[in-house]
PDB file of N, CA and C in Angstrom:
ATOM      1  N   MET A   1      -3.312 -10.521  -9.155  1.00  0.00           N
ATOM      2  CA  MET A   1      -4.092  -9.837  -8.144  1.00  0.00           C
ATOM      3  C   MET A   1      -4.626 -10.868  -7.156  1.00  0.00           C
ATOM      4  N   ALA A   2      -4.779 -10.454  -5.931  1.00  0.00           N
ATOM      5  CA  ALA A   2      -5.261 -11.339  -4.867  1.00  0.00           C
ATOM      6  C   ALA A   2      -6.685 -11.803  -5.144  1.00  0.00           C
ATOM      7  N   GLU A   3      -7.088 -12.834  -4.427  1.00  0.00           N
ATOM      8  CA  GLU A   3      -8.464 -13.324  -4.517  1.00  0.00           C
ATOM      9  C   GLU A   3      -9.425 -12.192  -4.148  1.00  0.00           C
ATOM     10  N   PRO A   4     -10.621 -12.126  -4.776  1.00  0.00           N
ATOM     11  CA  PRO A   4     -11.569 -11.046  -4.473  1.00  0.00           C
ATOM     12  C   PRO A   4     -11.903 -10.916  -2.991  1.00  0.00           C
ATOM     13  N   GLU A   5     -11.893 -12.022  -2.251  1.00  0.00           N
ATOM     14  CA  GLU A   5     -12.205 -11.988  -0.821  1.00  0.00           C
ATOM     15  C   GLU A   5     -11.155 -11.220  -0.028  1.00  0.00           C
ATOM     16  N   LYS A   6      -9.964 -11.078  -0.612  1.00  0.00           N
ATOM     17  CA  LYS A   6      -8.867 -10.411   0.078  1.00  0.00           C
ATOM     18  C   LYS A   6      -8.650  -8.981  -0.408  1.00  0.00           C
ATOM     19  N   VAL A   7      -9.381  -8.567  -1.440  1.00  0.00           N
ATOM     20  CA  VAL A   7      -9.274  -7.214  -1.963  1.00  0.00           C
ATOM     21  C   VAL A   7     -10.453  -6.411  -1.423  1.00  0.00           C
ATOM     22  N   TYR A   8     -10.170  -5.265  -0.846  1.00  0.00           N
ATOM     23  CA  TYR A   8     -11.199  -4.441  -0.222  1.00  0.00           C
ATOM     24  C   TYR A   8     -11.413  -3.166  -1.007  1.00  0.00           C
ATOM     25  N   GLN A   9     -12.684  -2.748  -1.120  1.00  0.00           N
ATOM     26  CA  GLN A   9     -13.047  -1.543  -1.841  1.00  0.00           C
ATOM     27  C   GLN A   9     -13.631  -0.529  -0.863  1.00  0.00           C
ATOM     28  N   CYS A  10     -13.207   0.715  -0.990  1.00  0.00           N
ATOM     29  CA  CYS A  10     -13.737   1.776  -0.142  1.00  0.00           C
ATOM     30  C   CYS A  10     -15.147   2.116  -0.608  1.00  0.00           C
ATOM     31  N   GLN A  11     -16.076   2.223   0.314  1.00  0.00           N
ATOM     32  CA  GLN A  11     -17.463   2.459  -0.034  1.00  0.00           C
ATOM     33  C   GLN A  11     -17.928   3.886   0.239  1.00  0.00           C
ATOM     34  N   THR A  12     -17.040   4.838   0.133  1.00  0.00           N
ATOM     35  CA  THR A  12     -17.462   6.217   0.297  1.00  0.00           C
ATOM     36  C   THR A  12     -18.064   6.718  -1.010  1.00  0.00           C
ATOM     37  N   VAL A  13     -18.791   7.793  -0.959  1.00  0.00           N
ATOM     38  CA  VAL A  13     -19.513   8.307  -2.120  1.00  0.00           C
ATOM     39  C   VAL A  13     -18.589   8.651  -3.286  1.00  0.00           C
ATOM     40  N   ASN A  14     -17.474   9.273  -3.010  1.00  0.00           N
ATOM     41  CA  ASN A  14     -16.623   9.785  -4.089  1.00  0.00           C
ATOM     42  C   ASN A  14     -15.382   8.961  -4.400  1.00  0.00           C
ATOM     43  N   CYS A  15     -15.165   7.860  -3.729  1.00  0.00           N
ATOM     44  CA  CYS A  15     -13.857   7.241  -3.812  1.00  0.00           C
ATOM     45  C   CYS A  15     -13.785   5.993  -4.712  1.00  0.00           C
ATOM     46  N   GLY A  16     -14.149   4.836  -4.184  1.00  0.00           N
ATOM     47  CA  GLY A  16     -14.021   3.598  -4.938  1.00  0.00           C
ATOM     48  C   GLY A  16     -12.615   3.020  -4.915  1.00  0.00           C
ATOM     49  N   CYS A  17     -11.775   3.479  -4.006  1.00  0.00           N
ATOM     50  CA  CYS A  17     -10.400   3.005  -3.887  1.00  0.00           C
ATOM     51  C   CYS A  17     -10.370   1.511  -3.545  1.00  0.00           C
ATOM     52  N   LEU A  18      -9.401   0.792  -4.089  1.00  0.00           N
ATOM     53  CA  LEU A  18      -9.213  -0.625  -3.778  1.00  0.00           C
ATOM     54  C   LEU A  18      -7.965  -0.805  -2.929  1.00  0.00           C
ATOM     55  N   TYR A  19      -8.058  -1.638  -1.904  1.00  0.00           N
ATOM     56  CA  TYR A  19      -6.864  -2.059  -1.180  1.00  0.00           C
ATOM     57  C   TYR A  19      -6.553  -3.477  -1.640  1.00  0.00           C
ATOM     58  N   ASP A  20      -5.428  -3.650  -2.294  1.00  0.00           N
ATOM     59  CA  ASP A  20      -4.991  -4.952  -2.796  1.00  0.00           C
ATOM     60  C   ASP A  20      -3.778  -5.387  -1.980  1.00  0.00           C
ATOM     61  N   PRO A  21      -3.900  -6.485  -1.216  1.00  0.00           N
ATOM     62  CA  PRO A  21      -2.772  -6.913  -0.397  1.00  0.00           C
ATOM     63  C   PRO A  21      -1.524  -7.249  -1.214  1.00  0.00           C
ATOM     64  N   ASP A  22      -1.682  -7.611  -2.470  1.00  0.00           N
ATOM     65  CA  ASP A  22      -0.520  -7.894  -3.316  1.00  0.00           C
ATOM     66  C   ASP A  22       0.326  -6.641  -3.544  1.00  0.00           C
ATOM     67  N   ARG A  23      -0.283  -5.470  -3.398  1.00  0.00           N
ATOM     68  CA  ARG A  23       0.419  -4.218  -3.637  1.00  0.00           C
ATOM     69  C   ARG A  23       0.777  -3.481  -2.354  1.00  0.00           C
ATOM     70  N   GLY A  24      -0.016  -3.656  -1.296  1.00  0.00           N
ATOM     71  CA  GLY A  24       0.227  -2.906  -0.067  1.00  0.00           C
ATOM     72  C   GLY A  24      -0.160  -1.448  -0.259  1.00  0.00           C
ATOM     73  N   ASP A  25       0.468  -0.561   0.475  1.00  0.00           N
ATOM     74  CA  ASP A  25       0.204   0.875   0.384  1.00  0.00           C
ATOM     75  C   ASP A  25       1.527   1.610   0.589  1.00  0.00           C
ATOM     76  N   ARG A  26       2.186   1.941  -0.513  1.00  0.00           N
ATOM     77  CA  ARG A  26       3.496   2.585  -0.437  1.00  0.00           C
ATOM     78  C   ARG A  26       3.451   3.910   0.306  1.00  0.00           C
ATOM     79  N   ARG A  27       2.382   4.689   0.102  1.00  0.00           N
ATOM     80  CA  ARG A  27       2.285   6.004   0.755  1.00  0.00           C
ATOM     81  C   ARG A  27       2.377   5.897   2.272  1.00  0.00           C
ATOM     82  N   ARG A  28       1.779   4.845   2.810  1.00  0.00           N
ATOM     83  CA  ARG A  28       1.746   4.688   4.265  1.00  0.00           C
ATOM     84  C   ARG A  28       2.695   3.589   4.748  1.00  0.00           C
ATOM     85  N   LYS A  29       3.621   3.221   3.875  1.00  0.00           N
ATOM     86  CA  LYS A  29       4.663   2.242   4.196  1.00  0.00           C
ATOM     87  C   LYS A  29       4.115   0.895   4.657  1.00  0.00           C
ATOM     88  N   ILE A  30       3.028   0.450   3.991  1.00  0.00           N
ATOM     89  CA  ILE A  30       2.460  -0.879   4.232  1.00  0.00           C
ATOM     90  C   ILE A  30       3.057  -1.800   3.171  1.00  0.00           C
ATOM     91  N   PRO A  31       3.830  -2.809   3.570  1.00  0.00           N
ATOM     92  CA  PRO A  31       4.497  -3.667   2.583  1.00  0.00           C
ATOM     93  C   PRO A  31       3.520  -4.551   1.803  1.00  0.00           C
ATOM     94  N   LYS A  32       3.996  -4.997   0.642  1.00  0.00           N
ATOM     95  CA  LYS A  32       3.229  -5.953  -0.166  1.00  0.00           C
ATOM     96  C   LYS A  32       2.906  -7.176   0.675  1.00  0.00           C
ATOM     97  N   ASN A  33       1.832  -7.868   0.324  1.00  0.00           N
ATOM     98  CA  ASN A  33       1.369  -9.097   0.986  1.00  0.00           C
ATOM     99  C   ASN A  33       0.883  -8.858   2.413  1.00  0.00           C
ATOM    100  N   THR A  34       0.469  -7.627   2.730  1.00  0.00           N
ATOM    101  CA  THR A  34      -0.132  -7.339   4.024  1.00  0.00           C
ATOM    102  C   THR A  34      -1.641  -7.470   3.889  1.00  0.00           C
ATOM    103  N   ASP A  35      -2.219  -8.431   4.592  1.00  0.00           N
ATOM    104  CA  ASP A  35      -3.656  -8.658   4.552  1.00  0.00           C
ATOM    105  C   ASP A  35      -4.385  -7.465   5.159  1.00  0.00           C
ATOM    106  N   PHE A  36      -5.589  -7.186   4.674  1.00  0.00           N
ATOM    107  CA  PHE A  36      -6.373  -6.053   5.183  1.00  0.00           C
ATOM    108  C   PHE A  36      -6.540  -6.128   6.695  1.00  0.00           C
ATOM    109  N   SER A  37      -6.769  -7.335   7.209  1.00  0.00           N
ATOM    110  CA  SER A  37      -6.964  -7.506   8.655  1.00  0.00           C
ATOM    111  C   SER A  37      -5.707  -7.169   9.458  1.00  0.00           C
ATOM    112  N   GLU A  38      -4.556  -7.167   8.808  1.00  0.00           N
ATOM    113  CA  GLU A  38      -3.291  -6.865   9.479  1.00  0.00           C
ATOM    114  C   GLU A  38      -2.927  -5.382   9.430  1.00  0.00           C
ATOM    115  N   LEU A  39      -3.724  -4.571   8.730  1.00  0.00           N
ATOM    116  CA  LEU A  39      -3.446  -3.138   8.667  1.00  0.00           C
ATOM    117  C   LEU A  39      -3.645  -2.518  10.041  1.00  0.00           C
ATOM    118  N   PRO A  40      -2.852  -1.510  10.387  1.00  0.00           N
ATOM    119  CA  PRO A  40      -3.036  -0.839  11.679  1.00  0.00           C
ATOM    120  C   PRO A  40      -4.446  -0.259  11.776  1.00  0.00           C
ATOM    121  N   GLU A  41      -5.007  -0.205  12.977  1.00  0.00           N
ATOM    122  CA  GLU A  41      -6.356   0.326  13.173  1.00  0.00           C
ATOM    123  C   GLU A  41      -6.469   1.766  12.691  1.00  0.00           C
ATOM    124  N   LYS A  42      -5.397   2.519  12.768  1.00  0.00           N
ATOM    125  CA  LYS A  42      -5.440   3.922  12.342  1.00  0.00           C
ATOM    126  C   LYS A  42      -5.211   4.107  10.845  1.00  0.00           C
ATOM    127  N   TRP A  43      -4.998   3.018  10.120  1.00  0.00           N
ATOM    128  CA  TRP A  43      -4.821   3.118   8.671  1.00  0.00           C
ATOM    129  C   TRP A  43      -6.099   3.675   8.059  1.00  0.00           C
ATOM    130  N   CYS A  44      -5.954   4.491   7.022  1.00  0.00           N
ATOM    131  CA  CYS A  44      -7.127   5.036   6.342  1.00  0.00           C
ATOM    132  C   CYS A  44      -6.895   5.045   4.835  1.00  0.00           C
ATOM    133  N   CYS A  45      -7.965   5.269   4.096  1.00  0.00           N
ATOM    134  CA  CYS A  45      -7.918   5.279   2.639  1.00  0.00           C
ATOM    135  C   CYS A  45      -6.923   6.335   2.160  1.00  0.00           C
ATOM    136  N   PRO A  46      -6.001   5.957   1.271  1.00  0.00           N
ATOM    137  CA  PRO A  46      -5.016   6.919   0.776  1.00  0.00           C
ATOM    138  C   PRO A  46      -5.629   7.975  -0.148  1.00  0.00           C
ATOM    139  N   VAL A  47      -6.850   7.742  -0.619  1.00  0.00           N
ATOM    140  CA  VAL A  47      -7.492   8.683  -1.530  1.00  0.00           C
ATOM    141  C   VAL A  47      -8.388   9.669  -0.784  1.00  0.00           C
ATOM    142  N   CYS A  48      -9.303   9.138   0.046  1.00  0.00           N
ATOM    143  CA  CYS A  48     -10.301  10.014   0.669  1.00  0.00           C
ATOM    144  C   CYS A  48     -10.182  10.115   2.187  1.00  0.00           C
ATOM    145  N   GLY A  49      -9.323   9.293   2.800  1.00  0.00           N
ATOM    146  CA  GLY A  49      -9.134   9.359   4.244  1.00  0.00           C
ATOM    147  C   GLY A  49     -10.140   8.570   5.059  1.00  0.00           C
ATOM    148  N   ALA A  50     -10.989   7.765   4.412  1.00  0.00           N
ATOM    149  CA  ALA A  50     -11.980   6.959   5.134  1.00  0.00           C
ATOM    150  C   ALA A  50     -11.289   5.912   6.007  1.00  0.00           C
ATOM    151  N   THR A  51     -11.913   5.582   7.135  1.00  0.00           N
ATOM    152  CA  THR A  51     -11.360   4.576   8.038  1.00  0.00           C
ATOM    153  C   THR A  51     -11.565   3.172   7.480  1.00  0.00           C
ATOM    154  N   LYS A  52     -10.941   2.192   8.115  1.00  0.00           N
ATOM    155  CA  LYS A  52     -11.060   0.793   7.682  1.00  0.00           C
ATOM    156  C   LYS A  52     -12.517   0.324   7.677  1.00  0.00           C
ATOM    157  N   ARG A  53     -13.337   0.872   8.563  1.00  0.00           N
ATOM    158  CA  ARG A  53     -14.745   0.457   8.634  1.00  0.00           C
ATOM    159  C   ARG A  53     -15.523   0.781   7.371  1.00  0.00           C
ATOM    160  N   ARG A  54     -15.039   1.709   6.570  1.00  0.00           N
ATOM    161  CA  ARG A  54     -15.726   2.103   5.346  1.00  0.00           C
ATOM    162  C   ARG A  54     -15.376   1.190   4.167  1.00  0.00           C
ATOM    163  N   PHE A  55     -14.511   0.202   4.388  1.00  0.00           N
ATOM    164  CA  PHE A  55     -14.114  -0.724   3.330  1.00  0.00           C
ATOM    165  C   PHE A  55     -14.901  -2.016   3.432  1.00  0.00           C
ATOM    166  N   ARG A  56     -15.179  -2.639   2.299  1.00  0.00           N
ATOM    167  CA  ARG A  56     -15.852  -3.932   2.220  1.00  0.00           C
ATOM    168  C   ARG A  56     -15.086  -4.811   1.242  1.00  0.00           C
ATOM    169  N   PRO A  57     -15.054  -6.140   1.486  1.00  0.00           N
ATOM    170  CA  PRO A  57     -14.402  -7.028   0.518  1.00  0.00           C
ATOM    171  C   PRO A  57     -15.188  -7.038  -0.791  1.00  0.00           C
ATOM    172  N   LEU A  58     -14.526  -7.350  -1.888  1.00  0.00           N
ATOM    173  CA  LEU A  58     -15.200  -7.407  -3.185  1.00  0.00           C
ATOM    174  C   LEU A  58     -16.093  -8.633  -3.326  1.00  0.00           C
ATOM    175  N   ALA A  59     -15.811  -9.703  -2.592  1.00  0.00           N
ATOM    176  CA  ALA A  59     -16.613 -10.933  -2.678  1.00  0.00           C
ATOM    177  C   ALA A  59     -16.694 -11.576  -1.303  1.00  0.00           C
ATOM    178  N   GLY A  60     -17.632 -12.497  -1.143  1.00  0.00           N
ATOM    179  CA  GLY A  60     -17.777 -13.216   0.116  1.00  0.00           C
ATOM    180  C   GLY A  60     -18.708 -12.497   1.084  1.00  0.00           C
ATOM    181  N   PRO A  61     -18.816 -13.001   2.312  1.00  0.00           N
ATOM    182  CA  PRO A  61     -19.716 -12.414   3.316  1.00  0.00           C
ATOM    183  C   PRO A  61     -19.380 -10.956   3.604  1.00  0.00           C
ATOM    184  N   GLY A  62     -20.403 -10.118   3.637  1.00  0.00           N
ATOM    185  CA  GLY A  62     -20.213  -8.706   3.914  1.00  0.00           C
ATOM    186  C   GLY A  62     -19.629  -7.930   2.760  1.00  0.00           C
ATOM    187  N   SER A  63     -19.623  -8.525   1.583  1.00  0.00           N
ATOM    188  CA  SER A  63     -18.962  -7.900   0.439  1.00  0.00           C
ATOM    189  C   SER A  63     -19.828  -6.866  -0.253  1.00  0.00           C
ATOM    190  N   VAL A  64     -19.185  -6.112  -1.125  1.00  0.00           N
ATOM    191  CA  VAL A  64     -19.853  -5.134  -1.958  1.00  0.00           C
ATOM    192  C   VAL A  64     -20.915  -5.842  -2.793  1.00  0.00           C
ATOM    193  N   LYS A  65     -20.561  -6.954  -3.399  1.00  0.00           N
ATOM    194  CA  LYS A  65     -21.471  -7.719  -4.246  1.00  0.00           C
ATOM    195  C   LYS A  65     -22.666  -8.212  -3.443  1.00  0.00           C
ATOM    196  N   ASP A  66     -22.423  -8.688  -2.236  1.00  0.00           N
ATOM    197  CA  ASP A  66     -23.460  -9.199  -1.340  1.00  0.00           C
ATOM    198  C   ASP A  66     -24.495  -8.118  -1.001  1.00  0.00           C
ATOM    199  N   GLU A  67     -24.050  -6.889  -0.801  1.00  0.00           N
ATOM    200  CA  GLU A  67     -24.926  -5.786  -0.427  1.00  0.00           C
ATOM    201  C   GLU A  67     -25.863  -5.368  -1.550  1.00  0.00           C
ATOM    202  N   HIS A  68     -25.459  -5.597  -2.808  1.00  0.00           N
ATOM    203  CA  HIS A  68     -26.264  -5.150  -3.954  1.00  0.00           C
ATOM    204  C   HIS A  68     -27.200  -6.220  -4.483  1.00  0.00           C
ATOM    205  N   GLN A  69     -27.259  -7.357  -3.834  1.00  0.00           N
ATOM    206  CA  GLN A  69     -28.140  -8.434  -4.316  1.00  0.00           C
ATOM    207  C   GLN A  69     -29.423  -8.457  -3.543  1.00  0.00           C
TER     208      GLN A  69
END
């Protein structure tokens, strides 16, 4: 799995979806090794439909962990 700084988690109430660049997003034809920053602006969560703005990295600045401390 990619470094936590490169894995993004959806922060919507019901979701918790992870975007892992090592896996990409087959449903939306995003190939493996596509960094979150390289996703199209119109890309959205495959589970709940949230926009990219609703995602936060798992670690590092602006991360999920950072917000709960």
